[in-house]
Amino acid sequence: MNTSAFNPARAEKVKVTAHDLIVHLVDGRRIEVPLAWFPRLCRAKPSERNKFRFIGNGIGIHWPKLDEDISVAGLLNIENHPLVASARDN
């Protein structure tokens, strides 16, 4: 039985540096991915990157001023669903 649907991975802390998105999960795992994967975050000012909120009790992260949403599940499944920047995001 797959319990991940009942207990999805949840973020508890997020840090956005000049080059990386770092997400700490409540279960102790840490995800670090290149900021370049997220063109809107990459182009944003540091003050805009640091204004986010958790959605769904931490299953996602939302940047209101940037209209950017990132799911923790998506970050964990990057090998199966690689992120690709579209021409309109560049």
N, C-alpha and C. Protein backbone atom coordinates (compact mmCIF):
# COMPACT_ATOMS: atom_id res chain seq x y z
N MET A 1 0.84 -1.18 0.00
CA MET A 1 0.00 0.00 0.00
C MET A 1 0.89 1.24 0.00
N ASN A 2 0.63 2.14 -0.89
CA ASN A 2 1.38 3.38 -0.97
C ASN A 2 0.76 4.40 -0.02
N THR A 3 1.50 4.74 1.04
CA THR A 3 0.96 5.68 2.02
C THR A 3 1.32 7.13 1.70
N SER A 4 2.09 7.37 0.63
CA SER A 4 2.49 8.74 0.31
C SER A 4 1.29 9.61 -0.03
N ALA A 5 0.22 9.01 -0.54
CA ALA A 5 -0.97 9.79 -0.85
C ALA A 5 -1.64 10.28 0.44
N PHE A 6 -1.49 9.51 1.52
CA PHE A 6 -2.08 9.87 2.80
C PHE A 6 -1.15 10.75 3.63
N ASN A 7 0.14 10.61 3.44
CA ASN A 7 1.14 11.37 4.17
C ASN A 7 2.10 12.02 3.19
N PRO A 8 1.65 13.02 2.47
CA PRO A 8 2.54 13.65 1.48
C PRO A 8 3.71 14.35 2.16
N ALA A 9 4.81 14.43 1.45
CA ALA A 9 5.97 15.15 1.95
C ALA A 9 5.59 16.62 2.12
N ARG A 10 6.05 17.21 3.23
CA ARG A 10 5.70 18.59 3.53
C ARG A 10 6.95 19.41 3.85
N ALA A 11 6.97 20.62 3.36
CA ALA A 11 8.07 21.53 3.63
C ALA A 11 7.83 22.24 4.96
N GLU A 12 8.93 22.50 5.67
CA GLU A 12 8.82 23.28 6.90
C GLU A 12 9.72 24.52 6.88
N LYS A 13 10.67 24.52 5.96
CA LYS A 13 11.59 25.66 5.86
C LYS A 13 12.04 25.79 4.42
N VAL A 14 12.14 27.01 3.93
CA VAL A 14 12.58 27.28 2.56
C VAL A 14 13.62 28.38 2.61
N LYS A 15 14.67 28.19 1.82
CA LYS A 15 15.69 29.22 1.67
C LYS A 15 15.98 29.35 0.18
N VAL A 16 15.99 30.58 -0.29
CA VAL A 16 16.32 30.83 -1.69
C VAL A 16 17.59 31.66 -1.71
N THR A 17 18.65 31.08 -2.27
CA THR A 17 19.91 31.80 -2.39
C THR A 17 20.02 32.37 -3.81
N ALA A 18 21.13 32.96 -4.11
CA ALA A 18 21.33 33.50 -5.46
C ALA A 18 21.37 32.40 -6.52
N HIS A 19 21.63 31.16 -6.09
CA HIS A 19 21.80 30.07 -7.07
C HIS A 19 20.94 28.84 -6.81
N ASP A 20 20.36 28.71 -5.62
CA ASP A 20 19.66 27.47 -5.28
C ASP A 20 18.35 27.72 -4.55
N LEU A 21 17.45 26.75 -4.69
CA LEU A 21 16.24 26.66 -3.89
C LEU A 21 16.47 25.50 -2.93
N ILE A 22 16.40 25.77 -1.64
CA ILE A 22 16.65 24.75 -0.62
C ILE A 22 15.38 24.59 0.21
N VAL A 23 14.88 23.36 0.25
CA VAL A 23 13.64 23.07 0.96
C VAL A 23 13.92 21.99 1.99
N HIS A 24 13.62 22.30 3.25
CA HIS A 24 13.74 21.33 4.34
C HIS A 24 12.36 20.74 4.60
N LEU A 25 12.29 19.42 4.65
CA LEU A 25 11.02 18.74 4.86
C LEU A 25 10.84 18.38 6.33
N VAL A 26 9.60 18.19 6.74
CA VAL A 26 9.31 17.88 8.13
C VAL A 26 9.89 16.53 8.55
N ASP A 27 10.13 15.64 7.59
CA ASP A 27 10.69 14.32 7.92
C ASP A 27 12.23 14.32 7.97
N GLY A 28 12.83 15.51 7.85
CA GLY A 28 14.28 15.62 7.97
C GLY A 28 15.04 15.67 6.66
N ARG A 29 14.37 15.36 5.56
CA ARG A 29 15.06 15.43 4.26
C ARG A 29 15.26 16.87 3.85
N ARG A 30 16.25 17.05 2.97
CA ARG A 30 16.58 18.38 2.43
C ARG A 30 16.68 18.25 0.92
N ILE A 31 16.00 19.14 0.21
CA ILE A 31 16.04 19.16 -1.25
C ILE A 31 16.75 20.44 -1.66
N GLU A 32 17.74 20.32 -2.52
CA GLU A 32 18.43 21.49 -3.04
C GLU A 32 18.50 21.37 -4.56
N VAL A 33 17.92 22.36 -5.23
CA VAL A 33 17.88 22.34 -6.69
C VAL A 33 18.34 23.69 -7.22
N PRO A 34 18.85 23.72 -8.44
CA PRO A 34 19.31 25.00 -9.02
C PRO A 34 18.15 25.97 -9.22
N LEU A 35 18.37 27.19 -8.87
CA LEU A 35 17.36 28.22 -9.05
C LEU A 35 17.06 28.43 -10.53
N ALA A 36 18.00 28.10 -11.38
CA ALA A 36 17.82 28.24 -12.83
C ALA A 36 16.65 27.40 -13.35
N TRP A 37 16.24 26.38 -12.60
CA TRP A 37 15.09 25.57 -13.01
C TRP A 37 13.78 26.36 -12.94
N PHE A 38 13.79 27.47 -12.23
CA PHE A 38 12.58 28.26 -12.01
C PHE A 38 12.83 29.69 -12.49
N PRO A 39 12.60 29.96 -13.77
CA PRO A 39 12.94 31.26 -14.34
C PRO A 39 12.36 32.46 -13.58
N ARG A 40 11.13 32.34 -13.11
CA ARG A 40 10.54 33.47 -12.39
C ARG A 40 11.30 33.76 -11.10
N LEU A 41 11.65 32.72 -10.37
CA LEU A 41 12.44 32.91 -9.15
C LEU A 41 13.83 33.42 -9.48
N CYS A 42 14.40 32.90 -10.53
CA CYS A 42 15.75 33.28 -10.93
C CYS A 42 15.83 34.76 -11.27
N ARG A 43 14.82 35.28 -11.94
CA ARG A 43 14.81 36.69 -12.35
C ARG A 43 14.36 37.64 -11.24
N ALA A 44 13.76 37.10 -10.20
CA ALA A 44 13.20 37.94 -9.14
C ALA A 44 14.28 38.56 -8.26
N LYS A 45 13.91 39.64 -7.63
CA LYS A 45 14.79 40.28 -6.65
C LYS A 45 14.82 39.40 -5.39
N PRO A 46 15.93 39.46 -4.64
CA PRO A 46 15.99 38.67 -3.40
C PRO A 46 14.81 38.94 -2.47
N SER A 47 14.37 40.17 -2.38
CA SER A 47 13.24 40.48 -1.51
C SER A 47 11.96 39.79 -1.98
N GLU A 48 11.79 39.61 -3.29
CA GLU A 48 10.62 38.91 -3.83
C GLU A 48 10.73 37.40 -3.59
N ARG A 49 11.94 36.88 -3.71
CA ARG A 49 12.16 35.44 -3.49
C ARG A 49 11.87 35.03 -2.05
N ASN A 50 12.09 35.95 -1.13
CA ASN A 50 11.93 35.63 0.29
C ASN A 50 10.52 35.84 0.80
N LYS A 51 9.60 36.27 -0.07
CA LYS A 51 8.20 36.45 0.34
C LYS A 51 7.37 35.31 -0.26
N PHE A 52 7.28 34.24 0.49
CA PHE A 52 6.53 33.06 0.07
C PHE A 52 5.64 32.62 1.21
N ARG A 53 4.76 31.69 0.89
CA ARG A 53 3.94 31.06 1.93
C ARG A 53 3.78 29.59 1.58
N PHE A 54 3.57 28.80 2.60
CA PHE A 54 3.31 27.38 2.38
C PHE A 54 1.84 27.21 2.01
N ILE A 55 1.58 26.29 1.10
CA ILE A 55 0.21 25.97 0.74
C ILE A 55 -0.05 24.51 1.09
N GLY A 56 -1.30 24.21 1.43
CA GLY A 56 -1.66 22.83 1.75
C GLY A 56 -0.86 22.26 2.89
N ASN A 57 -0.64 23.04 3.94
CA ASN A 57 0.10 22.58 5.11
C ASN A 57 1.52 22.14 4.75
N GLY A 58 2.11 22.79 3.75
CA GLY A 58 3.50 22.53 3.40
C GLY A 58 3.70 21.61 2.20
N ILE A 59 2.63 21.19 1.53
CA ILE A 59 2.82 20.33 0.35
C ILE A 59 3.27 21.14 -0.86
N GLY A 60 3.17 22.46 -0.73
CA GLY A 60 3.62 23.34 -1.80
C GLY A 60 4.09 24.67 -1.25
N ILE A 61 4.72 25.45 -2.12
CA ILE A 61 5.23 26.76 -1.78
C ILE A 61 4.71 27.74 -2.83
N HIS A 62 4.25 28.90 -2.37
CA HIS A 62 3.67 29.90 -3.26
C HIS A 62 4.35 31.24 -3.05
N TRP A 63 4.75 31.87 -4.17
CA TRP A 63 5.30 33.23 -4.16
C TRP A 63 4.25 34.13 -4.80
N PRO A 64 3.46 34.84 -3.98
CA PRO A 64 2.34 35.64 -4.51
C PRO A 64 2.74 36.69 -5.54
N LYS A 65 3.76 37.46 -5.27
CA LYS A 65 4.14 38.54 -6.20
C LYS A 65 4.70 38.01 -7.50
N LEU A 66 5.17 36.77 -7.49
CA LEU A 66 5.78 36.18 -8.68
C LEU A 66 4.84 35.23 -9.41
N ASP A 67 3.69 34.93 -8.82
CA ASP A 67 2.75 33.97 -9.37
C ASP A 67 3.44 32.64 -9.64
N GLU A 68 4.20 32.18 -8.66
CA GLU A 68 4.97 30.93 -8.78
C GLU A 68 4.51 29.96 -7.71
N ASP A 69 4.26 28.72 -8.10
CA ASP A 69 3.89 27.65 -7.18
C ASP A 69 4.78 26.46 -7.46
N ILE A 70 5.33 25.88 -6.40
CA ILE A 70 6.19 24.70 -6.54
C ILE A 70 5.70 23.66 -5.54
N SER A 71 5.47 22.44 -6.01
CA SER A 71 5.04 21.38 -5.11
C SER A 71 6.25 20.59 -4.62
N VAL A 72 6.17 20.15 -3.39
CA VAL A 72 7.24 19.31 -2.82
C VAL A 72 7.29 17.99 -3.58
N ALA A 73 6.14 17.43 -3.91
CA ALA A 73 6.11 16.17 -4.67
C ALA A 73 6.83 16.32 -6.00
N GLY A 74 6.63 17.44 -6.66
CA GLY A 74 7.31 17.69 -7.93
C GLY A 74 8.82 17.74 -7.76
N LEU A 75 9.28 18.36 -6.68
CA LEU A 75 10.72 18.41 -6.42
C LEU A 75 11.28 17.03 -6.14
N LEU A 76 10.52 16.20 -5.46
CA LEU A 76 10.97 14.85 -5.13
C LEU A 76 10.95 13.92 -6.33
N ASN A 77 10.13 14.20 -7.33
CA ASN A 77 9.99 13.33 -8.50
C ASN A 77 10.66 13.92 -9.73
N ILE A 78 11.69 14.67 -9.57
CA ILE A 78 12.31 15.37 -10.68
C ILE A 78 12.87 14.42 -11.74
N GLU A 79 13.31 13.23 -11.34
CA GLU A 79 13.83 12.28 -12.33
C GLU A 79 12.72 11.80 -13.26
N ASN A 80 11.52 11.65 -12.74
CA ASN A 80 10.39 11.17 -13.54
C ASN A 80 9.72 12.29 -14.34
N HIS A 81 9.79 13.50 -13.84
CA HIS A 81 9.13 14.62 -14.48
C HIS A 81 10.07 15.83 -14.48
N PRO A 82 11.09 15.82 -15.31
CA PRO A 82 12.04 16.94 -15.29
C PRO A 82 11.37 18.26 -15.63
N LEU A 83 11.82 19.28 -14.93
CA LEU A 83 11.29 20.62 -15.16
C LEU A 83 11.92 21.19 -16.42
N VAL A 84 11.10 21.81 -17.23
CA VAL A 84 11.59 22.42 -18.46
C VAL A 84 11.03 23.83 -18.54
N ALA A 85 11.91 24.78 -18.74
CA ALA A 85 11.45 26.17 -18.90
C ALA A 85 10.89 26.33 -20.30
N SER A 86 9.73 26.93 -20.38
CA SER A 86 9.14 27.17 -21.70
C SER A 86 9.62 28.52 -22.21
N ALA A 87 9.44 28.74 -23.48
CA ALA A 87 9.89 29.97 -24.11
C ALA A 87 9.20 31.18 -23.47
N ARG A 88 7.95 31.05 -23.02
CA ARG A 88 7.25 32.19 -22.45
C ARG A 88 7.79 32.57 -21.07
N ASP A 89 8.48 31.64 -20.39
CA ASP A 89 9.05 31.95 -19.08
C ASP A 89 10.40 32.63 -19.17
N ASN A 90 11.02 32.61 -20.32
CA ASN A 90 12.36 33.19 -20.47
C ASN A 90 12.32 34.68 -20.67
